[in-house]
Amino acid sequence: MDLKEINYMDLLEHYTQQFKDNISIKEVVYQMAKDNLIDKREMRNRAIIKDYDNLIKDTDNTINDIMASLSFKYDLSTRMIQEIIYKK
């Protein structure tokens, strides 16, 4: 489905009906990924970048420690983590 063709109000209505009163952003994002409306790899990369930014601000760890931590968390090589972060 082309993203230009999506009526986001209809999509929101669809997910609201599907989840009833228990709707959360996390559930909607998971469902959109499941429906192939969001690229799962792009979402993972954005999560990695957000985690990296938070770790840089909130810890005294070295860059190498942060890369190793993210590598373990996301089950990717440190080289892949570096490529994702430095591509941002």
C-alpha atoms as a PDB file:
ATOM      1  CA  MET A   1       0.000   0.000   0.000  1.00  0.00           C
ATOM      2  CA  ASP A   2       1.340   3.398  -0.964  1.00  0.00           C
ATOM      3  CA  LEU A   3       1.532   5.739   2.018  1.00  0.00           C
ATOM      4  CA  LYS A   4       0.151   8.562  -0.131  1.00  0.00           C
ATOM      5  CA  GLU A   5      -3.075   6.580  -0.506  1.00  0.00           C
ATOM      6  CA  ILE A   6      -3.647   6.152   3.221  1.00  0.00           C
ATOM      7  CA  ASN A   7      -6.396   8.160   4.836  1.00  0.00           C
ATOM      8  CA  TYR A   8      -4.965   8.507   8.335  1.00  0.00           C
ATOM      9  CA  MET A   9      -8.299   9.372   9.920  1.00  0.00           C
ATOM     10  CA  ASP A  10      -9.779   6.121   8.580  1.00  0.00           C
ATOM     11  CA  LEU A  11      -6.719   4.265   9.804  1.00  0.00           C
ATOM     12  CA  LEU A  12      -7.054   5.787  13.268  1.00  0.00           C
ATOM     13  CA  GLU A  13     -10.748   4.855  13.300  1.00  0.00           C
ATOM     14  CA  HIS A  14      -9.876   1.285  12.278  1.00  0.00           C
ATOM     15  CA  TYR A  15      -7.313   0.864  15.063  1.00  0.00           C
ATOM     16  CA  THR A  16      -9.566   2.546  17.627  1.00  0.00           C
ATOM     17  CA  GLN A  17     -12.326   0.061  16.837  1.00  0.00           C
ATOM     18  CA  GLN A  18      -9.890  -2.840  16.826  1.00  0.00           C
ATOM     19  CA  PHE A  19      -8.389  -2.066  20.234  1.00  0.00           C
ATOM     20  CA  LYS A  20     -11.554  -0.567  21.749  1.00  0.00           C
ATOM     21  CA  ASP A  21     -10.696   1.186  25.060  1.00  0.00           C
ATOM     22  CA  ASN A  22      -7.281  -0.449  25.418  1.00  0.00           C
ATOM     23  CA  ILE A  23      -5.569   1.499  22.661  1.00  0.00           C
ATOM     24  CA  SER A  24      -1.971   2.579  23.206  1.00  0.00           C
ATOM     25  CA  ILE A  25       0.661   4.009  20.908  1.00  0.00           C
ATOM     26  CA  LYS A  26       2.770   0.878  21.349  1.00  0.00           C
ATOM     27  CA  GLU A  27      -0.080  -1.378  20.212  1.00  0.00           C
ATOM     28  CA  VAL A  28      -0.855   0.848  17.238  1.00  0.00           C
ATOM     29  CA  VAL A  29       2.797   0.908  16.153  1.00  0.00           C
ATOM     30  CA  TYR A  30       3.049  -2.884  16.457  1.00  0.00           C
ATOM     31  CA  GLN A  31      -0.138  -3.314  14.436  1.00  0.00           C
ATOM     32  CA  MET A  32       1.025  -0.862  11.772  1.00  0.00           C
ATOM     33  CA  ALA A  33       4.291  -2.794  11.482  1.00  0.00           C
ATOM     34  CA  LYS A  34       2.323  -6.024  11.239  1.00  0.00           C
ATOM     35  CA  ASP A  35       0.175  -4.451   8.501  1.00  0.00           C
ATOM     36  CA  ASN A  36       3.373  -3.349   6.674  1.00  0.00           C
ATOM     37  CA  LEU A  37       2.523   0.330   7.025  1.00  0.00           C
ATOM     38  CA  ILE A  38       5.753   0.985   8.941  1.00  0.00           C
ATOM     39  CA  ASP A  39       9.154  -0.391   8.001  1.00  0.00           C
ATOM     40  CA  LYS A  40      10.278  -2.555  10.932  1.00  0.00           C
ATOM     41  CA  ARG A  41      13.959  -1.938  10.242  1.00  0.00           C
ATOM     42  CA  GLU A  42      13.435   1.821  10.233  1.00  0.00           C
ATOM     43  CA  MET A  43      11.571   1.616  13.541  1.00  0.00           C
ATOM     44  CA  ARG A  44      14.403  -0.434  15.055  1.00  0.00           C
ATOM     45  CA  ASN A  45      16.953   2.080  13.789  1.00  0.00           C
ATOM     46  CA  ARG A  46      15.026   4.983  15.289  1.00  0.00           C
ATOM     47  CA  ALA A  47      14.840   3.143  18.617  1.00  0.00           C
ATOM     48  CA  ILE A  48      18.609   2.560  18.515  1.00  0.00           C
ATOM     49  CA  ILE A  49      19.274   6.233  17.804  1.00  0.00           C
ATOM     50  CA  LYS A  50      16.938   7.314  20.616  1.00  0.00           C
ATOM     51  CA  ASP A  51      18.594   4.910  23.066  1.00  0.00           C
ATOM     52  CA  TYR A  52      22.023   6.141  21.977  1.00  0.00           C
ATOM     53  CA  ASP A  53      21.059   9.789  22.485  1.00  0.00           C
ATOM     54  CA  ASN A  54      19.648   9.012  25.939  1.00  0.00           C
ATOM     55  CA  LEU A  55      22.721   7.026  26.969  1.00  0.00           C
ATOM     56  CA  ILE A  56      25.066   9.793  25.793  1.00  0.00           C
ATOM     57  CA  LYS A  57      23.148  12.386  27.844  1.00  0.00           C
ATOM     58  CA  ASP A  58      22.424  10.330  30.952  1.00  0.00           C
ATOM     59  CA  THR A  59      25.547   8.241  31.563  1.00  0.00           C
ATOM     60  CA  ASP A  60      29.271   8.648  31.964  1.00  0.00           C
ATOM     61  CA  ASN A  61      29.967   5.544  29.869  1.00  0.00           C
ATOM     62  CA  THR A  62      32.418   5.672  27.010  1.00  0.00           C
ATOM     63  CA  ILE A  63      31.225   5.513  23.417  1.00  0.00           C
ATOM     64  CA  ASN A  64      32.622   1.981  23.189  1.00  0.00           C
ATOM     65  CA  ASP A  65      30.621   0.897  26.253  1.00  0.00           C
ATOM     66  CA  ILE A  66      27.457   2.444  24.824  1.00  0.00           C
ATOM     67  CA  MET A  67      28.003   0.746  21.463  1.00  0.00           C
ATOM     68  CA  ALA A  68      28.582  -2.601  23.187  1.00  0.00           C
ATOM     69  CA  SER A  69      25.444  -2.137  25.297  1.00  0.00           C
ATOM     70  CA  LEU A  70      23.307  -1.334  22.248  1.00  0.00           C
ATOM     71  CA  SER A  71      24.869  -4.197  20.336  1.00  0.00           C
ATOM     72  CA  PHE A  72      23.833  -6.597  23.090  1.00  0.00           C
ATOM     73  CA  LYS A  73      20.355  -5.092  23.480  1.00  0.00           C
ATOM     74  CA  TYR A  74      19.491  -5.213  19.767  1.00  0.00           C
ATOM     75  CA  ASP A  75      21.503  -8.336  18.922  1.00  0.00           C
ATOM     76  CA  LEU A  76      23.510  -6.518  16.243  1.00  0.00           C
ATOM     77  CA  SER A  77      27.231  -6.140  15.751  1.00  0.00           C
ATOM     78  CA  THR A  78      28.837  -2.983  17.100  1.00  0.00           C
ATOM     79  CA  ARG A  79      29.717  -2.124  13.500  1.00  0.00           C
ATOM     80  CA  MET A  80      26.026  -2.222  12.524  1.00  0.00           C
ATOM     81  CA  ILE A  81      25.129  -0.045  15.525  1.00  0.00           C
ATOM     82  CA  GLN A  82      27.783   2.463  14.483  1.00  0.00           C
ATOM     83  CA  GLU A  83      26.499   2.548  10.912  1.00  0.00           C
ATOM     84  CA  ILE A  84      22.936   3.151  12.117  1.00  0.00           C
ATOM     85  CA  ILE A  85      23.938   5.904  14.531  1.00  0.00           C
ATOM     86  CA  TYR A  86      26.370   7.724  12.275  1.00  0.00           C
ATOM     87  CA  LYS A  87      23.922   7.613   9.359  1.00  0.00           C
ATOM     88  CA  LYS A  88      21.331   9.565  11.355  1.00  0.00           C
END
